[in-house]
Structures are given as C-alpha cells and as structure tokens.
PDB file of N, CA and C in Angstrom:
ATOM      1  N   MET A   1       4.019  -7.547   6.420  1.00  0.00           N
ATOM      2  CA  MET A   1       3.124  -6.520   7.005  1.00  0.00           C
ATOM      3  C   MET A   1       2.516  -6.713   8.496  1.00  0.00           C
ATOM      4  N   LEU A   2       1.978  -7.990   7.614  1.00  0.00           N
ATOM      5  CA  LEU A   2       0.835  -8.128   8.948  1.00  0.00           C
ATOM      6  C   LEU A   2       1.316  -8.414  10.267  1.00  0.00           C
ATOM      7  N   THR A   3       2.522  -9.232  10.124  1.00  0.00           N
ATOM      8  CA  THR A   3       3.219  -9.516  11.814  1.00  0.00           C
ATOM      9  C   THR A   3       3.869  -8.035  12.387  1.00  0.00           C
ATOM     10  N   ILE A   4       4.380  -7.282  11.573  1.00  0.00           N
ATOM     11  CA  ILE A   4       4.448  -6.042  11.774  1.00  0.00           C
ATOM     12  C   ILE A   4       3.499  -5.130  12.682  1.00  0.00           C
ATOM     13  N   LEU A   5       2.372  -5.469  12.305  1.00  0.00           N
ATOM     14  CA  LEU A   5       1.203  -4.563  12.876  1.00  0.00           C
ATOM     15  C   LEU A   5       1.162  -5.011  14.132  1.00  0.00           C
ATOM     16  N   LEU A   6       0.762  -6.606  13.943  1.00  0.00           N
ATOM     17  CA  LEU A   6       0.565  -7.462  15.205  1.00  0.00           C
ATOM     18  C   LEU A   6       1.585  -7.178  16.316  1.00  0.00           C
ATOM     19  N   ALA A   7       3.328  -7.238  15.962  1.00  0.00           N
ATOM     20  CA  ALA A   7       4.096  -6.849  16.775  1.00  0.00           C
ATOM     21  C   ALA A   7       4.343  -5.305  17.782  1.00  0.00           C
ATOM     22  N   MET A   8       3.485  -4.404  17.214  1.00  0.00           N
ATOM     23  CA  MET A   8       3.078  -2.962  17.467  1.00  0.00           C
ATOM     24  C   MET A   8       1.970  -3.043  18.525  1.00  0.00           C
ATOM     25  N   LEU A   9       1.468  -4.243  18.778  1.00  0.00           N
ATOM     26  CA  LEU A   9       0.039  -4.248  19.373  1.00  0.00           C
ATOM     27  C   LEU A   9       0.714  -5.774  20.497  1.00  0.00           C
ATOM     28  N   GLU A  10       1.235  -4.801  21.800  1.00  0.00           N
ATOM     29  CA  GLU A  10       1.351  -5.413  23.014  1.00  0.00           C
ATOM     30  C   GLU A  10       0.559  -6.148  23.641  1.00  0.00           C
ATOM     31  N   ASP A  11      -0.897  -5.971  23.671  1.00  0.00           N
ATOM     32  CA  ASP A  11      -1.890  -6.889  24.216  1.00  0.00           C
ATOM     33  C   ASP A  11      -2.570  -7.908  23.456  1.00  0.00           C
ATOM     34  N   GLU A  12      -2.560  -8.869  24.394  1.00  0.00           N
ATOM     35  CA  GLU A  12      -3.017 -10.287  23.145  1.00  0.00           C
ATOM     36  C   GLU A  12      -4.048 -10.250  23.108  1.00  0.00           C
ATOM     37  N   GLU A  13      -5.436  -9.226  23.550  1.00  0.00           N
ATOM     38  CA  GLU A  13      -6.517  -9.265  23.375  1.00  0.00           C
ATOM     39  C   GLU A  13      -6.898  -8.068  21.853  1.00  0.00           C
ATOM     40  N   ASP A  14      -5.841  -6.879  21.764  1.00  0.00           N
ATOM     41  CA  ASP A  14      -5.897  -6.130  20.940  1.00  0.00           C
ATOM     42  C   ASP A  14      -4.942  -6.805  19.764  1.00  0.00           C
ATOM     43  N   GLN A  15      -4.313  -7.876  19.770  1.00  0.00           N
ATOM     44  CA  GLN A  15      -4.002  -8.559  18.588  1.00  0.00           C
ATOM     45  C   GLN A  15      -5.180  -9.326  18.058  1.00  0.00           C
ATOM     46  N   ARG A  16      -5.673  -9.964  18.874  1.00  0.00           N
ATOM     47  CA  ARG A  16      -7.070 -10.935  18.720  1.00  0.00           C
ATOM     48  C   ARG A  16      -8.103 -10.082  17.826  1.00  0.00           C
ATOM     49  N   LYS A  17      -8.453  -8.807  18.466  1.00  0.00           N
ATOM     50  CA  LYS A  17      -9.494  -8.156  17.971  1.00  0.00           C
ATOM     51  C   LYS A  17      -9.129  -7.329  16.411  1.00  0.00           C
ATOM     52  N   PHE A  18      -7.711  -6.775  16.404  1.00  0.00           N
ATOM     53  CA  PHE A  18      -7.146  -6.744  15.324  1.00  0.00           C
ATOM     54  C   PHE A  18      -7.242  -7.953  14.250  1.00  0.00           C
ATOM     55  N   LEU A  19      -6.630  -8.770  14.297  1.00  0.00           N
ATOM     56  CA  LEU A  19      -7.017 -10.154  13.584  1.00  0.00           C
ATOM     57  C   LEU A  19      -8.354 -10.388  12.883  1.00  0.00           C
ATOM     58  N   LYS A  20      -9.401 -10.058  14.143  1.00  0.00           N
ATOM     59  CA  LYS A  20     -10.780 -10.450  13.514  1.00  0.00           C
ATOM     60  C   LYS A  20     -11.081  -9.166  12.604  1.00  0.00           C
ATOM     61  N   LEU A  21     -10.927  -7.976  13.008  1.00  0.00           N
ATOM     62  CA  LEU A  21     -10.920  -7.142  11.853  1.00  0.00           C
ATOM     63  C   LEU A  21     -10.370  -6.887  10.545  1.00  0.00           C
ATOM     64  N   HIS A  22      -9.322  -7.671  10.387  1.00  0.00           N
ATOM     65  CA  HIS A  22      -8.225  -7.664   9.222  1.00  0.00           C
ATOM     66  C   HIS A  22      -9.057  -9.151   8.747  1.00  0.00           C
ATOM     67  N   THR A  23      -9.006  -9.901   9.057  1.00  0.00           N
ATOM     68  CA  THR A  23      -9.495 -10.898   8.305  1.00  0.00           C
ATOM     69  C   THR A  23     -11.167 -10.544   7.605  1.00  0.00           C
ATOM     70  N   ALA A  24     -12.025  -9.865   8.345  1.00  0.00           N
ATOM     71  CA  ALA A  24     -12.943  -9.864   8.079  1.00  0.00           C
ATOM     72  C   ALA A  24     -13.294  -8.652   6.745  1.00  0.00           C
ATOM     73  N   TYR A  25     -12.391  -7.641   7.043  1.00  0.00           N
ATOM     74  CA  TYR A  25     -12.423  -6.494   5.977  1.00  0.00           C
ATOM     75  C   TYR A  25     -11.228  -7.061   4.626  1.00  0.00           C
ATOM     76  N   GLU A  26     -10.644  -7.999   4.853  1.00  0.00           N
ATOM     77  CA  GLU A  26      -9.601  -8.082   3.666  1.00  0.00           C
ATOM     78  C   GLU A  26     -10.558  -9.384   2.885  1.00  0.00           C
ATOM     79  N   GLN A  27     -11.496 -10.237   3.514  1.00  0.00           N
ATOM     80  CA  GLN A  27     -12.116 -11.078   2.367  1.00  0.00           C
ATOM     81  C   GLN A  27     -13.431 -10.181   1.795  1.00  0.00           C
ATOM     82  N   LYS A  28     -13.653  -8.675   2.276  1.00  0.00           N
ATOM     83  CA  LYS A  28     -15.160  -8.005   1.619  1.00  0.00           C
ATOM     84  C   LYS A  28     -14.277  -7.137   0.434  1.00  0.00           C
ATOM     85  N   LEU A  29     -12.378  -6.786   0.800  1.00  0.00           N
ATOM     86  CA  LEU A  29     -11.696  -6.118  -0.016  1.00  0.00           C
ATOM     87  C   LEU A  29     -11.672  -6.791  -1.390  1.00  0.00           C
ATOM     88  N   TYR A  30     -11.332  -7.729  -1.081  1.00  0.00           N
ATOM     89  CA  TYR A  30     -10.871  -9.451  -2.351  1.00  0.00           C
ATOM     90  C   TYR A  30     -12.432  -9.393  -3.242  1.00  0.00           C
ATOM     91  N   ARG A  31     -13.096  -9.297  -2.527  1.00  0.00           N
ATOM     92  CA  ARG A  31     -14.312  -9.519  -3.284  1.00  0.00           C
ATOM     93  C   ARG A  31     -14.640  -8.342  -4.398  1.00  0.00           C
ATOM     94  N   ILE A  32     -14.499  -7.320  -3.578  1.00  0.00           N
ATOM     95  CA  ILE A  32     -15.146  -5.835  -4.326  1.00  0.00           C
ATOM     96  C   ILE A  32     -13.638  -5.647  -5.456  1.00  0.00           C
ATOM     97  N   ALA A  33     -12.382  -6.261  -4.903  1.00  0.00           N
ATOM     98  CA  ALA A  33     -11.237  -6.318  -5.935  1.00  0.00           C
ATOM     99  C   ALA A  33     -11.282  -7.090  -7.203  1.00  0.00           C
ATOM    100  N   LEU A  34     -11.836  -8.325  -6.902  1.00  0.00           N
ATOM    101  CA  LEU A  34     -12.034  -9.579  -8.096  1.00  0.00           C
ATOM    102  C   LEU A  34     -13.137  -8.896  -8.889  1.00  0.00           C
ATOM    103  N   LYS A  35     -14.268  -8.421  -8.534  1.00  0.00           N
ATOM    104  CA  LYS A  35     -14.906  -7.885  -9.290  1.00  0.00           C
ATOM    105  C   LYS A  35     -14.424  -6.567 -10.227  1.00  0.00           C
ATOM    106  N   ILE A  36     -13.806  -5.909  -9.967  1.00  0.00           N
ATOM    107  CA  ILE A  36     -13.428  -4.518 -10.438  1.00  0.00           C
ATOM    108  C   ILE A  36     -12.089  -5.360 -11.831  1.00  0.00           C
ATOM    109  N   LEU A  37     -11.336  -6.087 -11.097  1.00  0.00           N
ATOM    110  CA  LEU A  37     -10.011  -6.539 -12.207  1.00  0.00           C
ATOM    111  C   LEU A  37     -10.494  -7.551 -12.647  1.00  0.00           C
ATOM    112  N   ARG A  38     -11.488  -8.435 -11.706  1.00  0.00           N
ATOM    113  CA  ARG A  38     -11.375  -9.979 -13.055  1.00  0.00           C
ATOM    114  C   ARG A  38     -10.642 -11.006 -13.029  1.00  0.00           C
ATOM    115  N   SER A  39      -9.510 -10.580 -11.764  1.00  0.00           N
ATOM    116  CA  SER A  39      -8.582 -11.841 -12.169  1.00  0.00           C
ATOM    117  C   SER A  39      -8.466 -11.911 -10.793  1.00  0.00           C
ATOM    118  N   HIS A  40      -8.563 -12.980 -10.363  1.00  0.00           N
ATOM    119  CA  HIS A  40      -7.738 -13.769  -8.859  1.00  0.00           C
ATOM    120  C   HIS A  40      -6.489 -13.461  -8.068  1.00  0.00           C
ATOM    121  N   GLU A  41      -5.281 -13.327  -9.486  1.00  0.00           N
ATOM    122  CA  GLU A  41      -4.181 -12.699  -8.858  1.00  0.00           C
ATOM    123  C   GLU A  41      -4.144 -11.297  -8.956  1.00  0.00           C
ATOM    124  N   LEU A  42      -4.901 -10.682  -9.952  1.00  0.00           N
ATOM    125  CA  LEU A  42      -4.580  -9.047  -9.506  1.00  0.00           C
ATOM    126  C   LEU A  42      -5.347  -8.504  -7.971  1.00  0.00           C
ATOM    127  N   ALA A  43      -6.162  -9.146  -7.762  1.00  0.00           N
ATOM    128  CA  ALA A  43      -7.340  -9.146  -6.881  1.00  0.00           C
ATOM    129  C   ALA A  43      -6.613  -8.831  -5.912  1.00  0.00           C
ATOM    130  N   GLU A  44      -6.235 -10.356  -5.274  1.00  0.00           N
ATOM    131  CA  GLU A  44      -5.212 -10.949  -4.220  1.00  0.00           C
ATOM    132  C   GLU A  44      -3.970  -9.436  -3.978  1.00  0.00           C
ATOM    133  N   ASP A  45      -3.356  -9.455  -4.891  1.00  0.00           N
ATOM    134  CA  ASP A  45      -2.253  -8.418  -5.105  1.00  0.00           C
ATOM    135  C   ASP A  45      -2.658  -7.016  -4.633  1.00  0.00           C
ATOM    136  N   ALA A  46      -3.856  -6.777  -5.260  1.00  0.00           N
ATOM    137  CA  ALA A  46      -4.387  -5.458  -4.813  1.00  0.00           C
ATOM    138  C   ALA A  46      -4.873  -5.252  -3.096  1.00  0.00           C
ATOM    139  N   VAL A  47      -5.436  -6.300  -2.665  1.00  0.00           N
ATOM    140  CA  VAL A  47      -5.821  -6.310  -1.199  1.00  0.00           C
ATOM    141  C   VAL A  47      -4.069  -6.466  -0.472  1.00  0.00           C
ATOM    142  N   GLN A  48      -3.383  -7.411  -0.998  1.00  0.00           N
ATOM    143  CA  GLN A  48      -1.990  -7.413  -0.060  1.00  0.00           C
ATOM    144  C   GLN A  48      -1.511  -6.073   0.038  1.00  0.00           C
ATOM    145  N   GLN A  49      -1.977  -5.029  -1.297  1.00  0.00           N
ATOM    146  CA  GLN A  49      -1.112  -4.033  -0.955  1.00  0.00           C
ATOM    147  C   GLN A  49      -1.579  -2.722  -0.150  1.00  0.00           C
ATOM    148  N   SER A  50      -2.880  -3.043  -0.198  1.00  0.00           N
ATOM    149  CA  SER A  50      -3.887  -2.074   0.866  1.00  0.00           C
ATOM    150  C   SER A  50      -3.319  -2.377   2.318  1.00  0.00           C
TER     151      SER A  50
END
C-alpha cells in the first residue's frame, strides 16, 4: 500500500515529505493501538490497515 501511495507522488521531495509524515504517525498509531489492544500483533495489524 505504501509503495502505491509513493508511486502516485511524482516529485521526490513530496515522496520524502510523505514518508516523514507516515513514519511519525505510524509510530504514534502503533503506541495507541497497543494500549487499546494490548497485543503487539493486533496493534501492528491495526496500524497496517489504517
């Protein structure tokens, strides 16, 4: 999914910015999901689906 989104961005600068945002929010989403679900596997699945 991430690869598809990056392919939609033509400019390398836009790709870099998107990856920076994705990384920052992915980590936050994972921590929140882990607190709620109390399972590393379920939290990882939830973040990947979001």
